[in-house]
Amino acid sequence: MATPETQHPTGKNLSQAFREAFRCHPAGVAIVSADPGTGPIALTVSSLISVSAEPPLVAFSLSVHSATAAALLRAKTVVIHLARFEDLELAQLAATSGADRFGPDVPWERLPTGEPRYTPMATWFRAELRGTLPLEGATLVAAELLEGDVAPSGAEPERDSLVYLDRRWHRLRNPDDTPD
């Protein structure tokens, strides 16, 4: 197996090439929230993927360097919020280390089952953690969706979408852009 120091044909080491490639690979943004029994927690992820529609399964990765991620892995259920551009402030809050993600000025509620949910975020799913795969530097998490709600899609969803690209937040198309 190759080590991270393996040289790429361009002369860069493989880890450097990997970082450069993924810096230019846009990713959707989601916030995962939970209460592992010590109070509500949340973090922003850009690694959410669909795994299966039947049953509805998703997966995402969590950094082993994140205390919030370690706490989230102790929860049995989570809420996965799919962020739109209008949710940028919440996505940034959940991505900020040490921030009070459930302070008095943050709009949230507890679901009847106890999980914290950000109320402005129109697309969300309550999910049960189904399995984890510890890897070097991260843990891959699989979750089965149990219930949720989906925001109606606008006429031009690319104007509403929020993506993370090159360590910055973007929408796919600005409101003043003309359609193709």
C-alpha atoms as a PDB file:
ATOM      1  CA  MET A   1       0.000   0.000   0.000  1.00  0.00           C
ATOM      2  CA  ALA A   2       1.226   3.508  -0.819  1.00  0.00           C
ATOM      3  CA  THR A   3       2.167   5.847   1.987  1.00  0.00           C
ATOM      4  CA  PRO A   4       1.129   9.530   2.037  1.00  0.00           C
ATOM      5  CA  GLU A   5       4.668  10.478   1.034  1.00  0.00           C
ATOM      6  CA  THR A   6       4.340   8.554  -2.238  1.00  0.00           C
ATOM      7  CA  GLN A   7       5.399  10.773  -5.110  1.00  0.00           C
ATOM      8  CA  HIS A   8       2.794  11.791  -7.644  1.00  0.00           C
ATOM      9  CA  PRO A   9       3.916  11.929 -11.310  1.00  0.00           C
ATOM     10  CA  THR A  10       3.942  15.743 -11.047  1.00  0.00           C
ATOM     11  CA  GLY A  11       6.614  15.519  -8.334  1.00  0.00           C
ATOM     12  CA  LYS A  12       4.213  16.452  -5.508  1.00  0.00           C
ATOM     13  CA  ASN A  13       3.686  14.027  -2.691  1.00  0.00           C
ATOM     14  CA  LEU A  14       0.344  12.247  -2.756  1.00  0.00           C
ATOM     15  CA  SER A  15      -1.029  14.021   0.336  1.00  0.00           C
ATOM     16  CA  GLN A  16      -0.305  17.403  -1.238  1.00  0.00           C
ATOM     17  CA  ALA A  17      -1.910  16.347  -4.532  1.00  0.00           C
ATOM     18  CA  PHE A  18      -4.960  15.036  -2.618  1.00  0.00           C
ATOM     19  CA  ARG A  19      -5.404  18.337  -0.765  1.00  0.00           C
ATOM     20  CA  GLU A  20      -5.089  20.367  -3.962  1.00  0.00           C
ATOM     21  CA  ALA A  21      -7.585  18.157  -5.795  1.00  0.00           C
ATOM     22  CA  PHE A  22     -10.219  18.296  -3.057  1.00  0.00           C
ATOM     23  CA  ARG A  23      -9.734  22.026  -2.577  1.00  0.00           C
ATOM     24  CA  CYS A  24     -11.217  22.351  -6.092  1.00  0.00           C
ATOM     25  CA  HIS A  25     -13.964  19.761  -5.535  1.00  0.00           C
ATOM     26  CA  PRO A  26     -17.190  21.451  -4.350  1.00  0.00           C
ATOM     27  CA  ALA A  27     -19.117  19.732  -1.577  1.00  0.00           C
ATOM     28  CA  GLY A  28     -22.612  20.213  -0.212  1.00  0.00           C
ATOM     29  CA  VAL A  29     -22.926  21.472   3.350  1.00  0.00           C
ATOM     30  CA  ALA A  30     -24.854  19.886   6.213  1.00  0.00           C
ATOM     31  CA  ILE A  31     -25.090  20.410   9.955  1.00  0.00           C
ATOM     32  CA  VAL A  32     -25.300  17.338  12.179  1.00  0.00           C
ATOM     33  CA  SER A  33     -26.755  17.891  15.651  1.00  0.00           C
ATOM     34  CA  ALA A  34     -27.342  15.540  18.560  1.00  0.00           C
ATOM     35  CA  ASP A  35     -27.612  15.290  22.317  1.00  0.00           C
ATOM     36  CA  PRO A  36     -25.359  12.524  23.656  1.00  0.00           C
ATOM     37  CA  GLY A  37     -26.766  13.089  27.145  1.00  0.00           C
ATOM     38  CA  THR A  38     -24.585  16.071  28.056  1.00  0.00           C
ATOM     39  CA  GLY A  39     -26.484  18.787  26.166  1.00  0.00           C
ATOM     40  CA  PRO A  40     -26.970  19.713  22.514  1.00  0.00           C
ATOM     41  CA  ILE A  41     -24.003  19.664  20.136  1.00  0.00           C
ATOM     42  CA  ALA A  42     -23.618  20.388  16.425  1.00  0.00           C
ATOM     43  CA  LEU A  43     -20.979  20.467  13.736  1.00  0.00           C
ATOM     44  CA  THR A  44     -20.823  21.315  10.064  1.00  0.00           C
ATOM     45  CA  VAL A  45     -19.866  18.596   7.579  1.00  0.00           C
ATOM     46  CA  SER A  46     -19.110  18.733   3.877  1.00  0.00           C
ATOM     47  CA  SER A  47     -18.742  14.964   3.563  1.00  0.00           C
ATOM     48  CA  LEU A  48     -22.419  13.894   3.587  1.00  0.00           C
ATOM     49  CA  ILE A  49     -23.216  11.301   0.923  1.00  0.00           C
ATOM     50  CA  SER A  50     -26.280   9.266   0.053  1.00  0.00           C
ATOM     51  CA  VAL A  51     -25.704   5.531   0.415  1.00  0.00           C
ATOM     52  CA  SER A  52     -29.112   3.992  -0.287  1.00  0.00           C
ATOM     53  CA  ALA A  53     -32.669   5.147  -0.977  1.00  0.00           C
ATOM     54  CA  GLU A  54     -34.276   1.956   0.336  1.00  0.00           C
ATOM     55  CA  PRO A  55     -33.676   1.930   3.219  1.00  0.00           C
ATOM     56  CA  PRO A  56     -32.646   5.601   3.265  1.00  0.00           C
ATOM     57  CA  LEU A  57     -29.005   5.581   4.406  1.00  0.00           C
ATOM     58  CA  VAL A  58     -26.382   8.329   4.457  1.00  0.00           C
ATOM     59  CA  ALA A  59     -22.756   8.509   5.525  1.00  0.00           C
ATOM     60  CA  PHE A  60     -20.393  11.262   6.614  1.00  0.00           C
ATOM     61  CA  SER A  61     -16.929  11.536   8.110  1.00  0.00           C
ATOM     62  CA  LEU A  62     -15.873  13.075  11.407  1.00  0.00           C
ATOM     63  CA  SER A  63     -12.374  14.222  12.297  1.00  0.00           C
ATOM     64  CA  VAL A  64     -10.702  12.439  15.194  1.00  0.00           C
ATOM     65  CA  HIS A  65      -9.352  15.853  16.240  1.00  0.00           C
ATOM     66  CA  SER A  66     -12.821  17.242  16.996  1.00  0.00           C
ATOM     67  CA  ALA A  67     -14.183  17.044  20.547  1.00  0.00           C
ATOM     68  CA  THR A  68     -17.678  17.652  19.151  1.00  0.00           C
ATOM     69  CA  ALA A  69     -17.264  14.699  16.780  1.00  0.00           C
ATOM     70  CA  ALA A  70     -16.214  12.449  19.668  1.00  0.00           C
ATOM     71  CA  ALA A  71     -19.322  13.502  21.627  1.00  0.00           C
ATOM     72  CA  LEU A  72     -21.566  13.007  18.593  1.00  0.00           C
ATOM     73  CA  LEU A  73     -20.385   9.403  18.271  1.00  0.00           C
ATOM     74  CA  ARG A  74     -21.825   8.732  21.749  1.00  0.00           C
ATOM     75  CA  ALA A  75     -25.339   9.659  20.564  1.00  0.00           C
ATOM     76  CA  LYS A  76     -27.724   7.025  19.229  1.00  0.00           C
ATOM     77  CA  THR A  77     -29.608   9.448  16.976  1.00  0.00           C
ATOM     78  CA  VAL A  78     -28.779  12.715  15.205  1.00  0.00           C
ATOM     79  CA  VAL A  79     -30.472  15.370  13.115  1.00  0.00           C
ATOM     80  CA  ILE A  80     -28.934  16.008   9.711  1.00  0.00           C
ATOM     81  CA  HIS A  81     -29.772  19.465   8.336  1.00  0.00           C
ATOM     82  CA  LEU A  82     -29.065  20.045   4.623  1.00  0.00           C
ATOM     83  CA  ALA A  83     -27.941  23.654   4.317  1.00  0.00           C
ATOM     84  CA  ARG A  84     -29.052  26.168   1.734  1.00  0.00           C
ATOM     85  CA  PHE A  85     -27.346  29.481   1.114  1.00  0.00           C
ATOM     86  CA  GLU A  86     -29.834  31.186   3.450  1.00  0.00           C
ATOM     87  CA  ASP A  87     -28.499  28.865   6.213  1.00  0.00           C
ATOM     88  CA  LEU A  88     -24.921  30.096   5.794  1.00  0.00           C
ATOM     89  CA  GLU A  89     -24.817  31.821   9.193  1.00  0.00           C
ATOM     90  CA  LEU A  90     -25.837  28.606  11.001  1.00  0.00           C
ATOM     91  CA  ALA A  91     -23.363  26.545   8.955  1.00  0.00           C
ATOM     92  CA  GLN A  92     -20.583  28.955   9.916  1.00  0.00           C
ATOM     93  CA  LEU A  93     -21.657  28.885  13.568  1.00  0.00           C
ATOM     94  CA  ALA A  94     -21.625  25.067  13.679  1.00  0.00           C
ATOM     95  CA  ALA A  95     -18.189  25.113  12.011  1.00  0.00           C
ATOM     96  CA  THR A  96     -16.671  27.526  14.546  1.00  0.00           C
ATOM     97  CA  SER A  97     -14.658  25.870  17.285  1.00  0.00           C
ATOM     98  CA  GLY A  98     -15.760  26.962  20.749  1.00  0.00           C
ATOM     99  CA  ALA A  99     -18.890  28.779  19.539  1.00  0.00           C
ATOM    100  CA  ASP A 100     -22.124  28.557  21.551  1.00  0.00           C
ATOM    101  CA  ARG A 101     -24.080  26.677  18.898  1.00  0.00           C
ATOM    102  CA  PHE A 102     -27.269  26.603  20.973  1.00  0.00           C
ATOM    103  CA  GLY A 103     -27.127  29.991  22.684  1.00  0.00           C
ATOM    104  CA  PRO A 104     -30.131  32.209  23.425  1.00  0.00           C
ATOM    105  CA  ASP A 105     -29.966  33.921  20.010  1.00  0.00           C
ATOM    106  CA  VAL A 106     -29.806  30.660  18.045  1.00  0.00           C
ATOM    107  CA  PRO A 107     -33.192  29.436  16.740  1.00  0.00           C
ATOM    108  CA  TRP A 108     -33.592  25.771  17.658  1.00  0.00           C
ATOM    109  CA  GLU A 109     -35.981  23.322  19.269  1.00  0.00           C
ATOM    110  CA  ARG A 110     -35.988  19.786  20.584  1.00  0.00           C
ATOM    111  CA  LEU A 111     -37.839  17.192  18.563  1.00  0.00           C
ATOM    112  CA  PRO A 112     -40.366  15.100  20.542  1.00  0.00           C
ATOM    113  CA  THR A 113     -37.650  12.402  20.592  1.00  0.00           C
ATOM    114  CA  GLY A 114     -35.167  14.826  22.229  1.00  0.00           C
ATOM    115  CA  GLU A 115     -32.718  15.696  19.432  1.00  0.00           C
ATOM    116  CA  PRO A 116     -31.882  19.377  18.819  1.00  0.00           C
ATOM    117  CA  ARG A 117     -33.038  20.800  15.473  1.00  0.00           C
ATOM    118  CA  TYR A 118     -32.252  24.195  13.960  1.00  0.00           C
ATOM    119  CA  THR A 119     -35.706  25.594  13.136  1.00  0.00           C
ATOM    120  CA  PRO A 120     -34.785  27.861  10.167  1.00  0.00           C
ATOM    121  CA  MET A 121     -33.327  24.916   8.243  1.00  0.00           C
ATOM    122  CA  ALA A 122     -36.158  23.591   6.094  1.00  0.00           C
ATOM    123  CA  THR A 123     -34.576  20.285   5.020  1.00  0.00           C
ATOM    124  CA  TRP A 124     -33.683  17.950   7.863  1.00  0.00           C
ATOM    125  CA  PHE A 125     -33.753  14.279   8.802  1.00  0.00           C
ATOM    126  CA  ARG A 126     -33.652  12.508  12.144  1.00  0.00           C
ATOM    127  CA  ALA A 127     -31.353   9.522  11.776  1.00  0.00           C
ATOM    128  CA  GLU A 128     -30.140   6.567  13.794  1.00  0.00           C
ATOM    129  CA  LEU A 129     -26.414   5.888  13.800  1.00  0.00           C
ATOM    130  CA  ARG A 130     -26.021   2.432  12.258  1.00  0.00           C
ATOM    131  CA  GLY A 131     -22.281   1.916  12.220  1.00  0.00           C
ATOM    132  CA  THR A 132     -18.867   3.503  12.288  1.00  0.00           C
ATOM    133  CA  LEU A 133     -15.594   2.723  10.615  1.00  0.00           C
ATOM    134  CA  PRO A 134     -12.591   4.187  12.454  1.00  0.00           C
ATOM    135  CA  LEU A 135      -9.868   5.247  10.024  1.00  0.00           C
ATOM    136  CA  GLU A 136      -6.618   7.142  10.380  1.00  0.00           C
ATOM    137  CA  GLY A 137      -7.611  10.733  11.117  1.00  0.00           C
ATOM    138  CA  ALA A 138     -11.366  10.236  10.802  1.00  0.00           C
ATOM    139  CA  THR A 139     -14.361   8.063  11.535  1.00  0.00           C
ATOM    140  CA  LEU A 140     -16.800   7.190   8.783  1.00  0.00           C
ATOM    141  CA  VAL A 141     -20.375   7.176  10.116  1.00  0.00           C
ATOM    142  CA  ALA A 142     -23.395   5.470   8.538  1.00  0.00           C
ATOM    143  CA  ALA A 143     -26.899   6.546   9.561  1.00  0.00           C
ATOM    144  CA  GLU A 144     -30.426   5.456   8.643  1.00  0.00           C
ATOM    145  CA  LEU A 145     -32.982   8.230   8.122  1.00  0.00           C
ATOM    146  CA  LEU A 146     -36.063   7.814  10.311  1.00  0.00           C
ATOM    147  CA  GLU A 147     -38.134  10.945   9.642  1.00  0.00           C
ATOM    148  CA  GLY A 148     -37.748  14.483   8.389  1.00  0.00           C
ATOM    149  CA  ASP A 149     -38.925  17.252   6.147  1.00  0.00           C
ATOM    150  CA  VAL A 150     -37.764  18.579   2.794  1.00  0.00           C
ATOM    151  CA  ALA A 151     -38.026  22.192   1.669  1.00  0.00           C
ATOM    152  CA  PRO A 152     -39.806  22.714  -1.631  1.00  0.00           C
ATOM    153  CA  SER A 153     -37.346  23.165  -4.447  1.00  0.00           C
ATOM    154  CA  GLY A 154     -37.348  26.628  -5.942  1.00  0.00           C
ATOM    155  CA  ALA A 155     -37.439  27.335  -9.656  1.00  0.00           C
ATOM    156  CA  GLU A 156     -33.646  27.611  -9.670  1.00  0.00           C
ATOM    157  CA  PRO A 157     -32.221  25.465  -6.850  1.00  0.00           C
ATOM    158  CA  GLU A 158     -28.657  26.340  -7.848  1.00  0.00           C
ATOM    159  CA  ARG A 159     -29.308  29.856  -6.508  1.00  0.00           C
ATOM    160  CA  ASP A 160     -30.337  28.398  -3.126  1.00  0.00           C
ATOM    161  CA  SER A 161     -27.625  25.747  -2.823  1.00  0.00           C
ATOM    162  CA  LEU A 162     -24.693  26.109  -0.427  1.00  0.00           C
ATOM    163  CA  VAL A 163     -21.376  24.488  -1.272  1.00  0.00           C
ATOM    164  CA  TYR A 164     -17.935  24.546   0.279  1.00  0.00           C
ATOM    165  CA  LEU A 165     -15.063  25.033  -2.163  1.00  0.00           C
ATOM    166  CA  ASP A 166     -11.459  26.079  -1.619  1.00  0.00           C
ATOM    167  CA  ARG A 167     -12.074  26.695   2.106  1.00  0.00           C
ATOM    168  CA  ARG A 168     -14.884  29.158   1.348  1.00  0.00           C
ATOM    169  CA  TRP A 169     -18.683  29.118   1.213  1.00  0.00           C
ATOM    170  CA  HIS A 170     -20.414  29.587  -2.160  1.00  0.00           C
ATOM    171  CA  ARG A 171     -23.748  29.357  -3.892  1.00  0.00           C
ATOM    172  CA  LEU A 172     -23.760  27.604  -7.249  1.00  0.00           C
ATOM    173  CA  ARG A 173     -25.199  30.628  -9.019  1.00  0.00           C
ATOM    174  CA  ASN A 174     -25.550  34.199  -7.781  1.00  0.00           C
ATOM    175  CA  PRO A 175     -28.990  35.846  -7.986  1.00  0.00           C
ATOM    176  CA  ASP A 176     -27.798  38.332 -10.623  1.00  0.00           C
ATOM    177  CA  ASP A 177     -26.340  35.621 -12.917  1.00  0.00           C
ATOM    178  CA  THR A 178     -28.306  34.939 -16.079  1.00  0.00           C
ATOM    179  CA  PRO A 179     -29.433  31.335 -16.686  1.00  0.00           C
ATOM    180  CA  ASP A 180     -27.514  29.233 -19.205  1.00  0.00           C
END
